[in-house]
PDB file of N, CA and C in Angstrom:
ATOM      1  N   MET A   1     -24.343  36.750 -80.236  1.00  0.00           N
ATOM      2  CA  MET A   1     -24.169  37.327 -78.874  1.00  0.00           C
ATOM      3  C   MET A   1     -25.455  38.170 -78.551  1.00  0.00           C
ATOM      4  N   THR A   2     -25.888  38.007 -77.345  1.00  0.00           N
ATOM      5  CA  THR A   2     -27.082  38.777 -76.945  1.00  0.00           C
ATOM      6  C   THR A   2     -26.628  40.208 -76.432  1.00  0.00           C
ATOM      7  N   GLU A   3     -27.591  41.032 -76.484  1.00  0.00           N
ATOM      8  CA  GLU A   3     -27.325  42.408 -75.993  1.00  0.00           C
ATOM      9  C   GLU A   3     -26.802  42.534 -74.559  1.00  0.00           C
ATOM     10  N   GLN A   4     -27.341  41.517 -73.773  1.00  0.00           N
ATOM     11  CA  GLN A   4     -26.855  41.498 -72.263  1.00  0.00           C
ATOM     12  C   GLN A   4     -25.412  40.989 -72.314  1.00  0.00           C
ATOM     13  N   GLU A   5     -25.042  40.039 -73.054  1.00  0.00           N
ATOM     14  CA  GLU A   5     -23.673  39.572 -73.131  1.00  0.00           C
ATOM     15  C   GLU A   5     -22.687  40.695 -73.621  1.00  0.00           C
ATOM     16  N   PHE A   6     -23.159  41.468 -74.591  1.00  0.00           N
ATOM     17  CA  PHE A   6     -22.391  42.578 -75.136  1.00  0.00           C
ATOM     18  C   PHE A   6     -22.173  43.569 -74.036  1.00  0.00           C
ATOM     19  N   ARG A   7     -23.184  43.923 -73.262  1.00  0.00           N
ATOM     20  CA  ARG A   7     -23.153  44.882 -72.211  1.00  0.00           C
ATOM     21  C   ARG A   7     -22.241  44.423 -71.137  1.00  0.00           C
ATOM     22  N   ALA A   8     -22.047  43.278 -70.862  1.00  0.00           N
ATOM     23  CA  ALA A   8     -21.227  42.566 -69.968  1.00  0.00           C
ATOM     24  C   ALA A   8     -19.670  42.758 -70.400  1.00  0.00           C
ATOM     25  N   LEU A   9     -19.529  42.535 -71.728  1.00  0.00           N
ATOM     26  CA  LEU A   9     -18.177  42.815 -72.368  1.00  0.00           C
ATOM     27  C   LEU A   9     -17.821  44.245 -72.249  1.00  0.00           C
ATOM     28  N   GLU A  10     -18.766  45.209 -72.515  1.00  0.00           N
ATOM     29  CA  GLU A  10     -18.520  46.599 -72.482  1.00  0.00           C
ATOM     30  C   GLU A  10     -18.052  46.964 -71.001  1.00  0.00           C
ATOM     31  N   LYS A  11     -18.831  46.515 -70.094  1.00  0.00           N
ATOM     32  CA  LYS A  11     -18.450  46.698 -68.708  1.00  0.00           C
ATOM     33  C   LYS A  11     -17.064  46.278 -68.419  1.00  0.00           C
ATOM     34  N   ALA A  12     -16.699  45.128 -68.673  1.00  0.00           N
ATOM     35  CA  ALA A  12     -15.325  44.516 -68.421  1.00  0.00           C
ATOM     36  C   ALA A  12     -14.282  45.373 -69.075  1.00  0.00           C
ATOM     37  N   ALA A  13     -14.576  45.752 -70.405  1.00  0.00           N
ATOM     38  CA  ALA A  13     -13.569  46.611 -71.133  1.00  0.00           C
ATOM     39  C   ALA A  13     -13.420  47.889 -70.443  1.00  0.00           C
ATOM     40  N   ALA A  14     -14.562  48.522 -70.090  1.00  0.00           N
ATOM     41  CA  ALA A  14     -14.533  49.858 -69.430  1.00  0.00           C
ATOM     42  C   ALA A  14     -13.692  49.789 -68.103  1.00  0.00           C
ATOM     43  N   GLU A  15     -13.903  48.748 -67.333  1.00  0.00           N
ATOM     44  CA  GLU A  15     -13.320  48.566 -66.129  1.00  0.00           C
ATOM     45  C   GLU A  15     -11.699  48.497 -66.201  1.00  0.00           C
ATOM     46  N   ASN A  16     -11.237  48.084 -67.470  1.00  0.00           N
ATOM     47  CA  ASN A  16      -9.917  48.062 -67.733  1.00  0.00           C
ATOM     48  C   ASN A  16      -9.492  49.235 -68.520  1.00  0.00           C
ATOM     49  N   GLY A  17     -10.315  50.052 -68.862  1.00  0.00           N
ATOM     50  CA  GLY A  17      -9.961  51.325 -69.488  1.00  0.00           C
ATOM     51  C   GLY A  17      -9.710  51.141 -70.967  1.00  0.00           C
ATOM     52  N   LYS A  18     -10.443  50.147 -71.541  1.00  0.00           N
ATOM     53  CA  LYS A  18     -10.263  49.773 -72.994  1.00  0.00           C
ATOM     54  C   LYS A  18     -11.431  49.731 -73.780  1.00  0.00           C
ATOM     55  N   ALA A  19     -11.260  49.784 -75.029  1.00  0.00           N
ATOM     56  CA  ALA A  19     -12.504  49.675 -75.934  1.00  0.00           C
ATOM     57  C   ALA A  19     -12.705  48.112 -75.993  1.00  0.00           C
ATOM     58  N   VAL A  20     -13.951  47.774 -76.318  1.00  0.00           N
ATOM     59  CA  VAL A  20     -14.431  46.374 -76.267  1.00  0.00           C
ATOM     60  C   VAL A  20     -13.453  45.489 -77.183  1.00  0.00           C
ATOM     61  N   GLY A  21     -13.195  45.921 -78.437  1.00  0.00           N
ATOM     62  CA  GLY A  21     -12.284  45.194 -79.408  1.00  0.00           C
ATOM     63  C   GLY A  21     -10.889  44.994 -78.896  1.00  0.00           C
ATOM     64  N   GLU A  22     -10.363  46.057 -78.273  1.00  0.00           N
ATOM     65  CA  GLU A  22      -8.956  45.983 -77.742  1.00  0.00           C
ATOM     66  C   GLU A  22      -8.926  45.024 -76.471  1.00  0.00           C
ATOM     67  N   TRP A  23      -9.886  45.197 -75.581  1.00  0.00           N
ATOM     68  CA  TRP A  23      -9.950  44.306 -74.415  1.00  0.00           C
ATOM     69  C   TRP A  23     -10.106  42.884 -74.846  1.00  0.00           C
ATOM     70  N   ALA A  24     -11.183  42.593 -75.698  1.00  0.00           N
ATOM     71  CA  ALA A  24     -11.525  41.231 -76.101  1.00  0.00           C
ATOM     72  C   ALA A  24     -10.243  40.602 -76.885  1.00  0.00           C
ATOM     73  N   ARG A  25      -9.476  41.363 -77.655  1.00  0.00           N
ATOM     74  CA  ARG A  25      -8.393  40.825 -78.362  1.00  0.00           C
ATOM     75  C   ARG A  25      -7.283  40.316 -77.297  1.00  0.00           C
ATOM     76  N   GLU A  26      -6.993  41.224 -76.304  1.00  0.00           N
ATOM     77  CA  GLU A  26      -6.090  40.804 -75.343  1.00  0.00           C
ATOM     78  C   GLU A  26      -6.555  39.605 -74.501  1.00  0.00           C
ATOM     79  N   VAL A  27      -7.779  39.477 -74.181  1.00  0.00           N
ATOM     80  CA  VAL A  27      -8.313  38.423 -73.406  1.00  0.00           C
ATOM     81  C   VAL A  27      -8.174  37.149 -74.217  1.00  0.00           C
ATOM     82  N   LEU A  28      -8.465  37.215 -75.525  1.00  0.00           N
ATOM     83  CA  LEU A  28      -8.533  36.112 -76.360  1.00  0.00           C
ATOM     84  C   LEU A  28      -7.072  35.561 -76.631  1.00  0.00           C
ATOM     85  N   VAL A  29      -6.194  36.603 -76.929  1.00  0.00           N
ATOM     86  CA  VAL A  29      -4.824  36.087 -77.180  1.00  0.00           C
ATOM     87  C   VAL A  29      -4.174  35.523 -76.028  1.00  0.00           C
ATOM     88  N   GLU A  30      -4.505  36.068 -74.832  1.00  0.00           N
ATOM     89  CA  GLU A  30      -4.004  35.452 -73.535  1.00  0.00           C
ATOM     90  C   GLU A  30      -4.462  34.075 -73.286  1.00  0.00           C
ATOM     91  N   ALA A  31      -5.689  33.909 -73.561  1.00  0.00           N
ATOM     92  CA  ALA A  31      -6.328  32.530 -73.387  1.00  0.00           C
ATOM     93  C   ALA A  31      -5.678  31.536 -74.326  1.00  0.00           C
ATOM     94  N   ALA A  32      -5.483  32.043 -75.653  1.00  0.00           N
ATOM     95  CA  ALA A  32      -4.896  31.203 -76.621  1.00  0.00           C
ATOM     96  C   ALA A  32      -3.444  30.767 -76.410  1.00  0.00           C
ATOM     97  N   GLN A  33      -2.806  31.619 -75.631  1.00  0.00           N
ATOM     98  CA  GLN A  33      -1.461  31.361 -75.405  1.00  0.00           C
ATOM     99  C   GLN A  33      -1.076  30.477 -74.153  1.00  0.00           C
ATOM    100  N   GLN A  34      -2.225  30.395 -73.389  1.00  0.00           N
ATOM    101  CA  GLN A  34      -1.966  29.572 -72.175  1.00  0.00           C
ATOM    102  C   GLN A  34      -1.798  28.039 -72.483  1.00  0.00           C
ATOM    103  N   SER A  35      -0.649  27.611 -71.906  1.00  0.00           N
ATOM    104  CA  SER A  35      -0.378  26.246 -72.215  1.00  0.00           C
ATOM    105  C   SER A  35      -0.585  25.367 -70.912  1.00  0.00           C
ATOM    106  N   GLY A  36      -1.136  24.219 -71.212  1.00  0.00           N
ATOM    107  CA  GLY A  36      -1.311  23.376 -70.064  1.00  0.00           C
ATOM    108  C   GLY A  36      -2.570  23.647 -69.242  1.00  0.00           C
ATOM    109  N   PRO A  37      -2.846  22.912 -68.270  1.00  0.00           N
ATOM    110  CA  PRO A  37      -4.012  22.958 -67.534  1.00  0.00           C
ATOM    111  C   PRO A  37      -3.977  24.163 -66.516  1.00  0.00           C
ATOM    112  N   ASP A  38      -5.102  24.604 -66.113  1.00  0.00           N
ATOM    113  CA  ASP A  38      -5.248  25.678 -65.103  1.00  0.00           C
ATOM    114  C   ASP A  38      -4.476  25.317 -63.813  1.00  0.00           C
ATOM    115  N   ALA A  39      -3.833  26.333 -63.236  1.00  0.00           N
ATOM    116  CA  ALA A  39      -3.081  26.003 -62.011  1.00  0.00           C
ATOM    117  C   ALA A  39      -3.829  25.507 -60.833  1.00  0.00           C
ATOM    118  N   VAL A  40      -5.026  25.897 -60.763  1.00  0.00           N
ATOM    119  CA  VAL A  40      -5.933  25.417 -59.742  1.00  0.00           C
ATOM    120  C   VAL A  40      -6.212  23.874 -59.782  1.00  0.00           C
ATOM    121  N   LEU A  41      -6.356  23.544 -61.155  1.00  0.00           N
ATOM    122  CA  LEU A  41      -6.589  22.072 -61.451  1.00  0.00           C
ATOM    123  C   LEU A  41      -5.387  21.342 -61.010  1.00  0.00           C
ATOM    124  N   VAL A  42      -4.210  21.843 -61.450  1.00  0.00           N
ATOM    125  CA  VAL A  42      -2.929  21.151 -61.166  1.00  0.00           C
ATOM    126  C   VAL A  42      -2.809  20.880 -59.639  1.00  0.00           C
ATOM    127  N   GLU A  43      -2.950  21.877 -58.956  1.00  0.00           N
ATOM    128  CA  GLU A  43      -2.825  21.767 -57.448  1.00  0.00           C
ATOM    129  C   GLU A  43      -3.873  20.958 -56.785  1.00  0.00           C
ATOM    130  N   LEU A  44      -5.041  21.011 -57.281  1.00  0.00           N
ATOM    131  CA  LEU A  44      -6.198  20.073 -56.867  1.00  0.00           C
ATOM    132  C   LEU A  44      -5.850  18.609 -57.138  1.00  0.00           C
ATOM    133  N   VAL A  45      -5.332  18.368 -58.352  1.00  0.00           N
ATOM    134  CA  VAL A  45      -4.852  17.027 -58.617  1.00  0.00           C
ATOM    135  C   VAL A  45      -3.707  16.628 -57.730  1.00  0.00           C
ATOM    136  N   ALA A  46      -2.836  17.524 -57.389  1.00  0.00           N
ATOM    137  CA  ALA A  46      -1.644  17.214 -56.652  1.00  0.00           C
ATOM    138  C   ALA A  46      -2.198  16.784 -55.206  1.00  0.00           C
ATOM    139  N   THR A  47      -3.147  17.597 -54.697  1.00  0.00           N
ATOM    140  CA  THR A  47      -3.550  17.389 -53.355  1.00  0.00           C
ATOM    141  C   THR A  47      -4.371  16.074 -53.312  1.00  0.00           C
ATOM    142  N   ARG A  48      -5.098  15.691 -54.408  1.00  0.00           N
ATOM    143  CA  ARG A  48      -5.779  14.449 -54.472  1.00  0.00           C
ATOM    144  C   ARG A  48      -4.797  13.286 -54.367  1.00  0.00           C
ATOM    145  N   MET A  49      -3.797  13.365 -55.285  1.00  0.00           N
ATOM    146  CA  MET A  49      -2.819  12.265 -55.377  1.00  0.00           C
ATOM    147  C   MET A  49      -2.055  12.069 -54.109  1.00  0.00           C
ATOM    148  N   LEU A  50      -1.636  13.136 -53.463  1.00  0.00           N
ATOM    149  CA  LEU A  50      -0.969  13.066 -52.056  1.00  0.00           C
ATOM    150  C   LEU A  50      -1.907  12.389 -51.119  1.00  0.00           C
ATOM    151  N   LEU A  51      -3.095  12.867 -51.074  1.00  0.00           N
ATOM    152  CA  LEU A  51      -4.050  12.223 -50.081  1.00  0.00           C
ATOM    153  C   LEU A  51      -4.328  10.785 -50.368  1.00  0.00           C
ATOM    154  N   VAL A  52      -4.512  10.419 -51.627  1.00  0.00           N
ATOM    155  CA  VAL A  52      -4.843   9.083 -51.985  1.00  0.00           C
ATOM    156  C   VAL A  52      -3.709   8.108 -51.503  1.00  0.00           C
ATOM    157  N   ASN A  53      -2.560   8.516 -51.818  1.00  0.00           N
ATOM    158  CA  ASN A  53      -1.289   7.744 -51.528  1.00  0.00           C
ATOM    159  C   ASN A  53      -1.052   7.539 -50.027  1.00  0.00           C
ATOM    160  N   MET A  54      -1.333   8.681 -49.222  1.00  0.00           N
ATOM    161  CA  MET A  54      -1.188   8.609 -47.793  1.00  0.00           C
ATOM    162  C   MET A  54      -2.230   7.836 -47.087  1.00  0.00           C
ATOM    163  N   VAL A  55      -3.542   8.020 -47.630  1.00  0.00           N
ATOM    164  CA  VAL A  55      -4.623   7.226 -47.096  1.00  0.00           C
ATOM    165  C   VAL A  55      -4.438   5.677 -47.254  1.00  0.00           C
ATOM    166  N   LYS A  56      -3.820   5.421 -48.512  1.00  0.00           N
ATOM    167  CA  LYS A  56      -3.690   3.964 -48.782  1.00  0.00           C
ATOM    168  C   LYS A  56      -2.576   3.338 -47.799  1.00  0.00           C
ATOM    169  N   MET A  57      -1.572   4.154 -47.476  1.00  0.00           N
ATOM    170  CA  MET A  57      -0.660   3.653 -46.549  1.00  0.00           C
ATOM    171  C   MET A  57      -1.215   3.515 -45.172  1.00  0.00           C
ATOM    172  N   ILE A  58      -2.015   4.490 -44.766  1.00  0.00           N
ATOM    173  CA  ILE A  58      -2.636   4.396 -43.387  1.00  0.00           C
ATOM    174  C   ILE A  58      -3.629   3.318 -43.386  1.00  0.00           C
ATOM    175  N   GLY A  59      -4.440   3.100 -44.413  1.00  0.00           N
ATOM    176  CA  GLY A  59      -5.286   2.003 -44.504  1.00  0.00           C
ATOM    177  C   GLY A  59      -4.639   0.641 -44.400  1.00  0.00           C
ATOM    178  N   GLN A  60      -3.416   0.475 -44.847  1.00  0.00           N
ATOM    179  CA  GLN A  60      -2.688  -0.781 -44.682  1.00  0.00           C
ATOM    180  C   GLN A  60      -1.962  -0.871 -43.353  1.00  0.00           C
ATOM    181  N   GLY A  61      -2.227   0.082 -42.449  1.00  0.00           N
ATOM    182  CA  GLY A  61      -1.674   0.064 -41.093  1.00  0.00           C
ATOM    183  C   GLY A  61      -0.262   0.498 -41.010  1.00  0.00           C
ATOM    184  N   LEU A  62       0.217   1.175 -42.140  1.00  0.00           N
ATOM    185  CA  LEU A  62       1.643   1.678 -42.087  1.00  0.00           C
ATOM    186  C   LEU A  62       1.765   3.022 -41.563  1.00  0.00           C
ATOM    187  N   GLN A  63       2.870   3.308 -40.881  1.00  0.00           N
ATOM    188  CA  GLN A  63       3.174   4.577 -40.475  1.00  0.00           C
ATOM    189  C   GLN A  63       3.865   5.367 -41.534  1.00  0.00           C
ATOM    190  N   ILE A  64       3.432   6.505 -41.735  1.00  0.00           N
ATOM    191  CA  ILE A  64       4.108   7.393 -42.722  1.00  0.00           C
ATOM    192  C   ILE A  64       5.273   8.137 -42.137  1.00  0.00           C
ATOM    193  N   THR A  65       6.476   7.857 -42.518  1.00  0.00           N
ATOM    194  CA  THR A  65       7.756   8.491 -42.080  1.00  0.00           C
ATOM    195  C   THR A  65       7.833   9.707 -42.872  1.00  0.00           C
ATOM    196  N   ASP A  66       8.920  10.547 -42.368  1.00  0.00           N
ATOM    197  CA  ASP A  66       9.251  11.700 -43.165  1.00  0.00           C
ATOM    198  C   ASP A  66       9.782  11.373 -44.585  1.00  0.00           C
ATOM    199  N   ALA A  67      10.602  10.199 -44.562  1.00  0.00           N
ATOM    200  CA  ALA A  67      11.108   9.632 -45.843  1.00  0.00           C
ATOM    201  C   ALA A  67       9.880   9.301 -46.754  1.00  0.00           C
ATOM    202  N   ASP A  68       8.891   8.642 -46.192  1.00  0.00           N
ATOM    203  CA  ASP A  68       7.784   8.186 -47.034  1.00  0.00           C
ATOM    204  C   ASP A  68       7.119   9.467 -47.658  1.00  0.00           C
ATOM    205  N   TYR A  69       6.809  10.422 -46.770  1.00  0.00           N
ATOM    206  CA  TYR A  69       6.131  11.636 -47.175  1.00  0.00           C
ATOM    207  C   TYR A  69       6.968  12.336 -48.354  1.00  0.00           C
ATOM    208  N   ALA A  70       8.305  12.415 -48.128  1.00  0.00           N
ATOM    209  CA  ALA A  70       9.155  13.111 -49.157  1.00  0.00           C
ATOM    210  C   ALA A  70       9.047  12.403 -50.348  1.00  0.00           C
ATOM    211  N   LYS A  71       9.081  11.060 -50.374  1.00  0.00           N
ATOM    212  CA  LYS A  71       9.040  10.330 -51.723  1.00  0.00           C
ATOM    213  C   LYS A  71       7.748  10.487 -52.401  1.00  0.00           C
ATOM    214  N   ILE A  72       6.660  10.348 -51.606  1.00  0.00           N
ATOM    215  CA  ILE A  72       5.286  10.484 -52.164  1.00  0.00           C
ATOM    216  C   ILE A  72       5.214  11.973 -52.807  1.00  0.00           C
ATOM    217  N   ASN A  73       5.715  12.993 -52.093  1.00  0.00           N
ATOM    218  CA  ASN A  73       5.581  14.272 -52.412  1.00  0.00           C
ATOM    219  C   ASN A  73       6.317  14.569 -53.757  1.00  0.00           C
ATOM    220  N   THR A  74       7.465  13.894 -53.803  1.00  0.00           N
ATOM    221  CA  THR A  74       8.370  14.103 -55.013  1.00  0.00           C
ATOM    222  C   THR A  74       7.696  13.520 -56.232  1.00  0.00           C
ATOM    223  N   GLN A  75       7.043  12.325 -56.093  1.00  0.00           N
ATOM    224  CA  GLN A  75       6.319  11.567 -57.100  1.00  0.00           C
ATOM    225  C   GLN A  75       5.136  12.484 -57.592  1.00  0.00           C
ATOM    226  N   VAL A  76       4.437  13.063 -56.524  1.00  0.00           N
ATOM    227  CA  VAL A  76       3.295  13.798 -56.929  1.00  0.00           C
ATOM    228  C   VAL A  76       3.643  15.124 -57.662  1.00  0.00           C
ATOM    229  N   GLN A  77       4.709  15.802 -57.215  1.00  0.00           N
ATOM    230  CA  GLN A  77       5.189  16.975 -57.896  1.00  0.00           C
ATOM    231  C   GLN A  77       5.622  16.746 -59.269  1.00  0.00           C
ATOM    232  N   SER A  78       6.334  15.549 -59.646  1.00  0.00           N
ATOM    233  CA  SER A  78       6.684  15.199 -60.940  1.00  0.00           C
ATOM    234  C   SER A  78       5.625  14.771 -61.814  1.00  0.00           C
ATOM    235  N   ALA A  79       4.503  14.368 -61.275  1.00  0.00           N
ATOM    236  CA  ALA A  79       3.319  13.767 -62.164  1.00  0.00           C
ATOM    237  C   ALA A  79       2.203  14.744 -62.131  1.00  0.00           C
ATOM    238  N   LYS A  80       2.066  15.685 -61.331  1.00  0.00           N
ATOM    239  CA  LYS A  80       0.803  16.462 -61.216  1.00  0.00           C
ATOM    240  C   LYS A  80       0.375  17.226 -62.482  1.00  0.00           C
ATOM    241  N   ARG A  81       1.292  17.773 -63.129  1.00  0.00           N
ATOM    242  CA  ARG A  81       0.929  18.624 -64.378  1.00  0.00           C
ATOM    243  C   ARG A  81       0.453  17.568 -65.509  1.00  0.00           C
ATOM    244  N   ARG A  82       1.167  16.450 -65.687  1.00  0.00           N
ATOM    245  CA  ARG A  82       0.817  15.416 -66.653  1.00  0.00           C
ATOM    246  C   ARG A  82      -0.618  14.848 -66.331  1.00  0.00           C
ATOM    247  N   VAL A  83      -0.890  14.520 -65.194  1.00  0.00           N
ATOM    248  CA  VAL A  83      -2.208  13.975 -64.663  1.00  0.00           C
ATOM    249  C   VAL A  83      -3.261  15.064 -64.948  1.00  0.00           C
ATOM    250  N   ALA A  84      -3.000  16.242 -64.567  1.00  0.00           N
ATOM    251  CA  ALA A  84      -3.917  17.321 -64.686  1.00  0.00           C
ATOM    252  C   ALA A  84      -4.289  17.627 -66.228  1.00  0.00           C
ATOM    253  N   SER A  85      -3.239  17.483 -67.074  1.00  0.00           N
ATOM    254  CA  SER A  85      -3.476  17.646 -68.496  1.00  0.00           C
ATOM    255  C   SER A  85      -4.280  16.524 -69.038  1.00  0.00           C
ATOM    256  N   GLU A  86      -4.038  15.383 -68.561  1.00  0.00           N
ATOM    257  CA  GLU A  86      -4.940  14.217 -69.023  1.00  0.00           C
ATOM    258  C   GLU A  86      -6.298  14.388 -68.641  1.00  0.00           C
ATOM    259  N   ILE A  87      -6.607  14.890 -67.394  1.00  0.00           N
ATOM    260  CA  ILE A  87      -7.946  15.079 -66.964  1.00  0.00           C
ATOM    261  C   ILE A  87      -8.574  16.176 -67.778  1.00  0.00           C
ATOM    262  N   ALA A  88      -7.751  17.201 -68.051  1.00  0.00           N
ATOM    263  CA  ALA A  88      -8.371  18.321 -68.697  1.00  0.00           C
ATOM    264  C   ALA A  88      -8.688  17.930 -70.205  1.00  0.00           C
ATOM    265  N   GLU A  89      -7.888  17.149 -70.852  1.00  0.00           N
ATOM    266  CA  GLU A  89      -8.162  16.605 -72.175  1.00  0.00           C
ATOM    267  C   GLU A  89      -9.402  15.692 -72.163  1.00  0.00           C
ATOM    268  N   GLN A  90      -9.467  14.812 -71.176  1.00  0.00           N
ATOM    269  CA  GLN A  90     -10.592  13.896 -71.078  1.00  0.00           C
ATOM    270  C   GLN A  90     -11.928  14.676 -70.928  1.00  0.00           C
ATOM    271  N   THR A  91     -11.920  15.781 -70.068  1.00  0.00           N
ATOM    272  CA  THR A  91     -13.079  16.581 -69.824  1.00  0.00           C
ATOM    273  C   THR A  91     -13.408  17.240 -71.158  1.00  0.00           C
ATOM    274  N   LYS A  92     -12.429  17.779 -71.870  1.00  0.00           N
ATOM    275  CA  LYS A  92     -12.682  18.393 -73.136  1.00  0.00           C
ATOM    276  C   LYS A  92     -13.395  17.550 -74.163  1.00  0.00           C
ATOM    277  N   ARG A  93     -12.901  16.236 -74.240  1.00  0.00           N
ATOM    278  CA  ARG A  93     -13.441  15.338 -75.126  1.00  0.00           C
ATOM    279  C   ARG A  93     -14.934  15.010 -74.876  1.00  0.00           C
ATOM    280  N   ILE A  94     -15.148  14.783 -73.464  1.00  0.00           N
ATOM    281  CA  ILE A  94     -16.577  14.569 -72.914  1.00  0.00           C
ATOM    282  C   ILE A  94     -17.405  15.670 -73.317  1.00  0.00           C
ATOM    283  N   ASN A  95     -17.041  16.932 -73.041  1.00  0.00           N
ATOM    284  CA  ASN A  95     -17.788  18.057 -73.277  1.00  0.00           C
ATOM    285  C   ASN A  95     -18.095  18.345 -74.719  1.00  0.00           C
ATOM    286  N   SER A  96     -17.052  17.934 -75.570  1.00  0.00           N
ATOM    287  CA  SER A  96     -17.196  18.306 -76.976  1.00  0.00           C
ATOM    288  C   SER A  96     -18.289  17.211 -77.581  1.00  0.00           C
ATOM    289  N   GLY A  97     -18.243  16.055 -76.920  1.00  0.00           N
ATOM    290  CA  GLY A  97     -19.209  14.923 -77.391  1.00  0.00           C
ATOM    291  C   GLY A  97     -20.569  15.349 -77.041  1.00  0.00           C
ATOM    292  N   LYS A  98     -20.838  16.190 -75.953  1.00  0.00           N
ATOM    293  CA  LYS A  98     -22.170  16.469 -75.522  1.00  0.00           C
ATOM    294  C   LYS A  98     -22.705  17.700 -76.490  1.00  0.00           C
ATOM    295  N   GLU A  99     -21.754  18.358 -77.063  1.00  0.00           N
ATOM    296  CA  GLU A  99     -22.221  19.411 -77.892  1.00  0.00           C
ATOM    297  C   GLU A  99     -22.731  18.969 -79.267  1.00  0.00           C
ATOM    298  N   SER A 100     -22.254  17.825 -79.637  1.00  0.00           N
ATOM    299  CA  SER A 100     -22.635  17.238 -81.019  1.00  0.00           C
ATOM    300  C   SER A 100     -24.059  16.871 -81.017  1.00  0.00           C
TER     301      SER A 100
END
């Protein structure tokens, strides 16, 4: 760890009223306990899935009814976390291959 990196950690800890070790332990434990992909990724994936499905219907010249939207939205909501997890794992594999 560089001196500059350590100073950044000291600053973050001080802003939270904690010693570096205590602050770092809390941050690391919290990160380790997170399960699943980041919420932002999940919602980004959901937005993409919704958009792709609706644009496909529009491209086919179909009108999207309220029932169509509700069905697509239900499918997206049930699949978004799984798809985001798959993307996160794929990204992790790609990034770990670059480090080798």
